[in-house]
């Protein structure tokens, strides 16, 4: 089978397409024939050697994919060959024609959901759910600002928040991205490339401020987030690329909270709960991942360059 391999950290070109032996599942493992692969920003940090936890080399990158079950190991009871599934966390890496995952990391993919959409569920949708409901404890009737809403996590957050009965303000840096957020259910959209755009948040919330902010780039935005929080407001930091200066007094009178969100620290109970909710959203149509671009597996280096560029409009996926 074909798979991307990384033998040492570095630039995108360190990812090479190689031929490996077919995978064989062990006990409680599922072998999946991969039809689509999700490309996540975190995988670029790991590839470059700039992440807290690095796999031993050589390795096949990737966490998310969707496909059909090709085989199961001893003790697997939930899946059989031919089942359509999505995978949210693999043992052997997802940038390949085959992958192995532990049974609890494999989930049914409804017939109406494409393999490409299935590949966009794992990291983006789990992160959005975990941030919104498990870290921020958002509830129906609250207001949510998705700060940087046009990528995979942001689009999922809009859909999940609207399905739960929240008022959603989204930001985007391009006209196409802002239009996409409105199409996905955002009540209001702001241009975060304009000076003073955060002032509009207070107007849109009748001067009360926003209850929850999902922050994709805290090193740029956290100092601007805190003054527009409501009393008891929460900022959940999903992404940051460096340090930031804030005024702590902006949290004091509001009794505001700054909450970290790292998917690798999700508990088994939170993981199960999140995917139960995500599965329900896929079945009833309230969760519909948006695919911006589909590329062949051999173009993984270019996909890693694209996923880090501003102006995202959904999810990049690779196809073997």
Protein backbone atom coordinates (compact mmCIF):
# COMPACT_ATOMS: atom_id res chain seq x y z
CA UNK A 1 0.00 0.00 0.00
CA UNK A 2 1.01 3.65 -0.49
CA UNK A 3 1.62 5.91 2.49
CA UNK A 4 3.26 9.23 3.29
CA UNK A 5 6.34 8.78 5.47
CA UNK A 6 8.41 11.27 7.47
CA UNK A 7 11.95 10.20 8.36
CA UNK A 8 13.04 13.45 10.03
CA UNK A 9 11.36 16.75 10.99
CA UNK A 10 11.45 19.60 8.53
CA UNK A 11 9.69 21.50 5.78
CA UNK A 12 6.71 19.98 3.91
CA UNK A 13 9.05 18.26 1.44
CA UNK A 14 10.15 15.78 4.12
CA UNK A 15 6.84 14.00 3.45
CA UNK A 16 7.47 11.31 0.85
CA UNK A 17 5.05 8.85 -0.74
CA UNK A 18 6.37 5.31 -0.18
CA UNK A 19 5.21 1.72 -0.60
CA UNK A 20 4.68 -0.25 2.63
CA UNK A 21 3.36 -3.67 3.53
CA UNK A 22 -0.38 -3.97 4.02
CA UNK A 23 -1.57 -3.34 7.57
CA UNK A 24 -2.79 -6.14 9.84
CA UNK A 25 -5.12 -5.26 12.75
CA UNK A 26 -4.37 -6.51 16.24
CA UNK A 27 -6.83 -7.27 19.04
CA UNK A 28 -9.57 -4.63 19.38
CA UNK A 29 -8.29 -2.85 16.29
CA UNK A 30 -9.99 -2.01 13.00
CA UNK A 31 -8.32 -1.95 9.57
CA UNK A 32 -9.80 0.79 7.37
CA UNK A 33 -9.46 1.20 3.61
CA UNK A 34 -8.99 4.97 3.44
CA UNK A 35 -11.06 6.98 0.95
CA UNK A 36 -10.40 10.51 2.28
CA UNK A 37 -7.97 12.09 4.76
CA UNK A 38 -8.37 15.25 6.81
CA UNK A 39 -5.44 17.71 6.89
CA UNK A 40 -5.11 19.53 10.21
CA UNK A 41 -2.82 22.44 11.18
CA UNK A 42 -1.51 20.47 14.17
CA UNK A 43 0.00 17.96 11.74
CA UNK A 44 2.19 20.70 10.29
CA UNK A 45 3.59 21.47 13.75
CA UNK A 46 4.33 17.79 14.36
CA UNK A 47 5.96 17.45 10.93
CA UNK A 48 8.18 20.43 11.65
CA UNK A 49 9.17 19.06 15.07
CA UNK A 50 7.48 21.99 16.84
CA UNK A 51 4.96 20.16 19.00
CA UNK A 52 5.00 18.97 22.61
CA UNK A 53 4.56 15.31 21.70
CA UNK A 54 6.45 13.96 18.69
CA UNK A 55 6.18 10.43 17.28
CA UNK A 56 9.32 8.35 16.71
CA UNK A 57 10.56 8.43 13.13
CA UNK A 58 9.84 7.20 10.57
CA UNK A 59 6.09 7.62 10.81
CA UNK A 60 2.98 8.24 8.75
CA UNK A 61 1.28 11.51 9.73
CA UNK A 62 -2.41 12.14 10.15
CA UNK A 63 -5.19 11.60 12.66
CA UNK A 64 -8.44 11.75 10.70
CA UNK A 65 -9.86 9.81 7.77
CA UNK A 66 -12.95 8.09 6.45
CA UNK A 67 -13.40 4.91 4.47
CA UNK A 68 -14.65 1.35 4.68
CA UNK A 69 -13.74 -1.37 7.15
CA UNK A 70 -11.37 -3.85 5.49
CA UNK A 71 -10.75 -6.13 8.45
CA UNK A 72 -11.12 -6.39 12.23
CA UNK A 73 -8.97 -7.81 14.97
CA UNK A 74 -9.91 -10.23 17.71
CA UNK A 75 -12.55 -8.86 20.08
CA UNK A 76 -14.01 -6.23 17.74
CA UNK A 77 -17.81 -6.36 17.96
CA UNK A 78 -19.09 -3.02 16.62
CA UNK A 79 -17.80 -3.21 13.03
CA UNK A 80 -17.57 -5.64 10.13
CA UNK A 81 -15.89 -5.52 6.71
CA UNK A 82 -17.69 -3.14 4.36
CA UNK A 83 -18.98 -0.76 7.03
CA UNK A 84 -18.68 2.96 6.22
CA UNK A 85 -16.77 4.70 9.02
CA UNK A 86 -14.91 7.79 10.04
CA UNK A 87 -11.79 7.60 12.20
CA UNK A 88 -10.88 10.16 14.86
CA UNK A 89 -7.39 9.10 15.90
CA UNK A 90 -5.28 6.34 14.36
CA UNK A 91 -2.54 3.97 15.45
CA UNK A 92 -0.61 3.97 12.18
CA UNK A 93 -1.37 7.40 10.68
CA UNK A 94 -4.07 8.42 8.23
CA UNK A 95 -2.02 9.72 5.27
CA UNK A 96 -2.17 6.29 3.64
CA UNK A 97 -4.30 3.87 1.64
CA UNK A 98 -4.89 1.86 4.82
CA UNK A 99 -4.90 2.74 8.49
CA UNK A 100 -5.37 0.92 11.77
CA UNK A 101 -7.34 2.42 14.64
CA UNK A 102 -8.47 1.21 18.02
CA UNK A 103 -12.14 0.22 17.91
CA UNK A 104 -13.26 3.08 20.15
CA UNK A 105 -11.72 5.59 17.70
CA UNK A 106 -13.86 4.33 14.81
CA UNK A 107 -17.39 5.63 14.29
CA UNK A 108 -20.25 4.87 11.88
CA UNK A 109 -20.52 7.20 8.89
CA UNK A 110 -24.13 7.78 7.81
CA UNK A 111 -24.91 7.08 4.16
CA UNK A 112 -25.79 10.72 3.43
CA UNK A 113 -22.35 11.90 4.61
CA UNK A 114 -19.56 11.70 2.02
CA UNK A 115 -16.17 10.19 2.78
CA UNK A 116 -14.66 13.64 2.28
CA UNK A 117 -16.96 15.06 4.94
CA UNK A 118 -16.21 12.08 7.17
CA UNK A 119 -12.51 12.90 6.97
CA UNK A 120 -13.29 16.40 8.27
CA UNK A 121 -14.93 15.28 11.52
CA UNK A 122 -12.19 14.06 13.86
CA UNK A 123 -10.01 16.98 14.94
CA UNK A 124 -12.16 19.94 13.72
CA UNK A 125 -15.59 18.85 14.94
CA UNK A 126 -14.37 17.28 18.17
CA UNK A 127 -12.40 20.43 18.94
CA UNK A 128 -15.43 22.63 18.26
CA UNK A 129 -17.70 20.50 20.45
CA UNK A 130 -15.13 20.17 23.23
CA UNK A 131 -14.44 23.91 23.27
CA UNK A 132 -18.06 25.02 23.08
CA UNK A 133 -19.82 22.59 25.40
CA UNK A 134 -17.21 20.84 27.54
CA UNK A 135 -14.80 23.72 28.20
CA UNK A 136 -17.00 26.85 27.88
CA UNK A 137 -20.15 25.05 29.10
CA UNK A 138 -22.20 27.10 26.62
CA UNK A 139 -25.98 26.79 26.92
CA UNK A 140 -28.96 27.62 24.68
CA UNK A 141 -29.75 31.32 24.58
CA UNK A 142 -26.16 32.47 25.03
CA UNK A 143 -24.19 34.44 22.46
CA UNK A 144 -21.04 33.02 20.87
CA UNK A 145 -18.29 34.80 18.93
CA UNK A 146 -16.33 32.45 16.70
CA UNK A 147 -13.15 34.47 16.16
CA UNK A 148 -11.74 33.09 12.92
CA UNK A 149 -14.73 31.10 11.76
CA UNK A 150 -14.00 30.08 8.18
CA UNK A 151 -11.87 26.96 8.76
CA UNK A 152 -12.92 23.46 9.74
CA UNK A 153 -13.20 24.15 13.48
CA UNK A 154 -14.99 27.46 12.99
CA UNK A 155 -17.59 26.10 10.58
CA UNK A 156 -18.31 23.18 12.92
CA UNK A 157 -18.64 25.58 15.85
CA UNK A 158 -21.19 27.70 13.97
CA UNK A 159 -23.30 24.66 13.08
CA UNK A 160 -23.13 23.17 16.59
CA UNK A 161 -23.95 26.47 18.30
CA UNK A 162 -26.91 27.21 16.03
CA UNK A 163 -28.30 23.69 16.48
CA UNK A 164 -28.14 24.25 20.25
CA UNK A 165 -30.06 27.54 20.12
CA UNK A 166 -27.30 30.13 20.43
CA UNK A 167 -26.79 33.48 18.74
CA UNK A 168 -23.61 33.31 16.66
CA UNK A 169 -21.26 36.10 15.59
CA UNK A 170 -18.55 34.96 13.19
CA UNK A 171 -15.46 36.69 11.84
CA UNK A 172 -13.66 36.14 8.57
CA UNK A 173 -10.88 37.86 6.67
CA UNK A 174 -12.23 37.44 3.12
CA UNK A 175 -15.55 38.17 1.47
CA UNK A 176 -15.87 34.54 0.36
CA UNK A 177 -15.18 33.29 3.89
CA UNK A 178 -17.68 35.67 5.46
CA UNK A 179 -20.33 34.62 2.96
CA UNK A 180 -19.66 30.99 3.86
CA UNK A 181 -20.21 31.63 7.57
CA UNK A 182 -23.58 33.21 6.84
CA UNK A 183 -24.53 30.24 4.69
CA UNK A 184 -23.63 27.94 7.59
CA UNK A 185 -25.94 29.74 10.00
CA UNK A 186 -24.06 32.66 11.57
CA UNK A 187 -26.43 35.42 12.65
CA UNK A 188 -23.84 38.16 12.11
CA UNK A 189 -20.43 38.28 10.46
CA UNK A 190 -17.57 40.73 11.00
CA UNK A 191 -14.53 41.48 8.86
CA UNK A 192 -11.55 40.91 11.15
CA UNK A 193 -9.26 42.69 8.71
CA UNK A 194 -11.00 46.02 9.44
CA UNK A 195 -9.84 48.38 12.17
CA UNK A 196 -12.22 48.55 15.11
CA UNK A 197 -14.36 45.58 14.04
CA UNK A 198 -14.64 44.32 17.64
CA UNK A 199 -16.55 47.46 18.60
CA UNK A 200 -19.50 46.02 16.70
CA UNK A 201 -19.72 43.10 19.13
CA UNK A 202 -21.11 45.35 21.86
CA UNK A 203 -23.74 46.75 19.48
CA UNK A 204 -24.78 43.28 18.37
CA UNK A 205 -25.24 42.19 22.00
CA UNK A 206 -27.16 45.31 23.10
CA UNK A 207 -24.15 46.50 25.08
CA UNK A 208 -24.00 43.36 27.21
CA UNK A 209 -21.00 41.72 25.60
CA UNK A 210 -20.71 38.18 24.28
CA UNK A 211 -21.00 35.15 26.56
CA UNK A 212 -18.49 32.85 24.85
CA UNK A 213 -15.59 33.50 22.49
CA UNK A 214 -13.92 30.64 20.62
CA UNK A 215 -10.47 32.01 19.81
CA UNK A 216 -8.44 30.51 16.95
CA UNK A 217 -5.47 32.92 17.13
CA UNK A 218 -5.01 34.07 20.71
CA UNK A 219 -1.61 35.69 20.17
CA UNK A 220 -3.30 38.23 17.89
CA UNK A 221 -6.73 38.54 19.45
CA UNK A 222 -6.91 37.75 23.16
CA UNK A 223 -6.29 41.34 24.22
CA UNK A 224 -9.21 42.42 22.01
CA UNK A 225 -11.50 39.62 23.22
CA UNK A 226 -11.55 40.37 26.93
CA UNK A 227 -13.13 43.88 26.79
CA UNK A 228 -16.17 42.59 24.83
CA UNK A 229 -17.04 39.71 27.16
CA UNK A 230 -20.29 39.71 29.09
CA UNK A 231 -20.39 39.30 32.87
CA UNK A 232 -19.27 35.73 33.46
CA UNK A 233 -18.00 35.48 29.89
CA UNK A 234 -15.52 32.84 28.79
CA UNK A 235 -12.77 32.87 26.15
CA UNK A 236 -11.69 29.40 25.03
CA UNK A 237 -8.26 29.39 23.42
CA UNK A 238 -8.22 26.88 20.57
CA UNK A 239 -5.14 28.17 18.75
CA UNK A 240 -2.17 30.46 19.36
CA UNK A 241 1.16 30.97 17.61
CA UNK A 242 3.02 32.95 20.25
CA UNK A 243 2.74 35.18 23.34
CA UNK A 244 0.24 38.00 23.79
CA UNK A 245 -0.11 41.02 26.08
CA UNK A 246 -3.42 41.47 27.92
CA UNK A 247 -4.80 43.70 30.65
CA UNK A 248 -5.86 41.35 33.48
CA UNK A 249 -8.27 43.99 34.76
CA UNK A 250 -10.44 43.24 31.74
CA UNK A 251 -11.29 39.93 33.43
CA UNK A 252 -11.90 41.20 36.95
CA UNK A 253 -15.08 43.26 36.84
CA UNK A 254 -16.61 40.84 34.37
CA UNK A 255 -15.63 37.75 36.37
CA UNK A 256 -14.40 36.50 33.03
CA UNK A 257 -12.48 33.29 32.39
CA UNK A 258 -9.69 32.41 29.97
CA UNK A 259 -9.86 28.68 29.27
CA UNK A 260 -7.36 26.53 27.44
CA UNK A 261 -8.47 23.85 25.01
CA UNK A 262 -6.12 21.09 23.85
CA UNK A 263 -7.71 18.09 22.18
CA UNK A 264 -4.91 15.72 23.22
CA UNK A 265 -6.01 16.26 26.83
CA UNK A 266 -9.65 15.28 26.25
CA UNK A 267 -10.76 12.57 28.69
CA UNK A 268 -12.20 9.24 27.50
CA UNK A 269 -15.59 10.26 28.89
CA UNK A 270 -15.49 13.60 27.07
CA UNK A 271 -14.44 11.86 23.84
CA UNK A 272 -17.34 9.40 24.02
CA UNK A 273 -19.83 12.15 24.80
CA UNK A 274 -18.55 14.39 22.00
CA UNK A 275 -18.79 11.69 19.35
CA UNK A 276 -22.25 10.64 20.51
CA UNK A 277 -23.34 14.24 19.90
CA UNK A 278 -21.44 14.54 16.62
CA UNK A 279 -22.96 11.30 15.37
CA UNK A 280 -26.43 12.62 16.14
CA UNK A 281 -25.65 15.83 14.26
CA UNK A 282 -24.45 13.89 11.22
CA UNK A 283 -27.59 11.75 11.20
CA UNK A 284 -30.06 14.61 11.57
CA UNK A 285 -28.21 16.94 9.20
CA UNK A 286 -27.35 19.74 11.62
CA UNK A 287 -23.63 18.92 11.28
CA UNK A 288 -22.37 19.07 7.69
CA UNK A 289 -18.60 19.55 7.28
CA UNK A 290 -17.63 21.85 4.40
CA UNK A 291 -14.84 20.77 2.05
CA UNK A 292 -12.83 23.56 0.45
CA UNK A 293 -10.34 21.52 -1.54
CA UNK A 294 -9.62 17.89 -2.45
CA UNK A 295 -6.06 16.88 -3.37
CA UNK A 296 -4.25 13.60 -4.17
CA UNK A 297 -2.23 11.99 -1.39
CA UNK A 298 1.03 12.69 -3.22
CA UNK A 299 0.30 16.43 -2.85
CA UNK A 300 0.48 16.27 0.96
CA UNK A 301 3.38 18.78 1.04
CA UNK A 302 1.31 21.36 -0.83
CA UNK A 303 -1.68 20.64 1.43
CA UNK A 304 0.49 21.43 4.46
CA UNK A 305 1.43 24.78 2.95
CA UNK A 306 -2.18 25.63 2.09
CA UNK A 307 -3.65 24.69 5.47
CA UNK A 308 -1.49 27.29 7.20
CA UNK A 309 -2.45 30.15 4.89
CA UNK A 310 -5.12 32.70 5.93
CA UNK A 311 -8.48 32.79 4.19
CA UNK A 312 -9.64 29.22 4.81
CA UNK A 313 -13.09 28.28 3.53
CA UNK A 314 -13.69 24.86 5.05
CA UNK A 315 -11.53 21.76 5.10
CA UNK A 316 -8.68 20.45 2.93
CA UNK A 317 -8.78 16.68 2.34
CA UNK A 318 -6.42 14.25 0.62
CA UNK A 319 -7.54 11.22 -1.38
CA UNK A 320 -5.34 8.11 -1.84
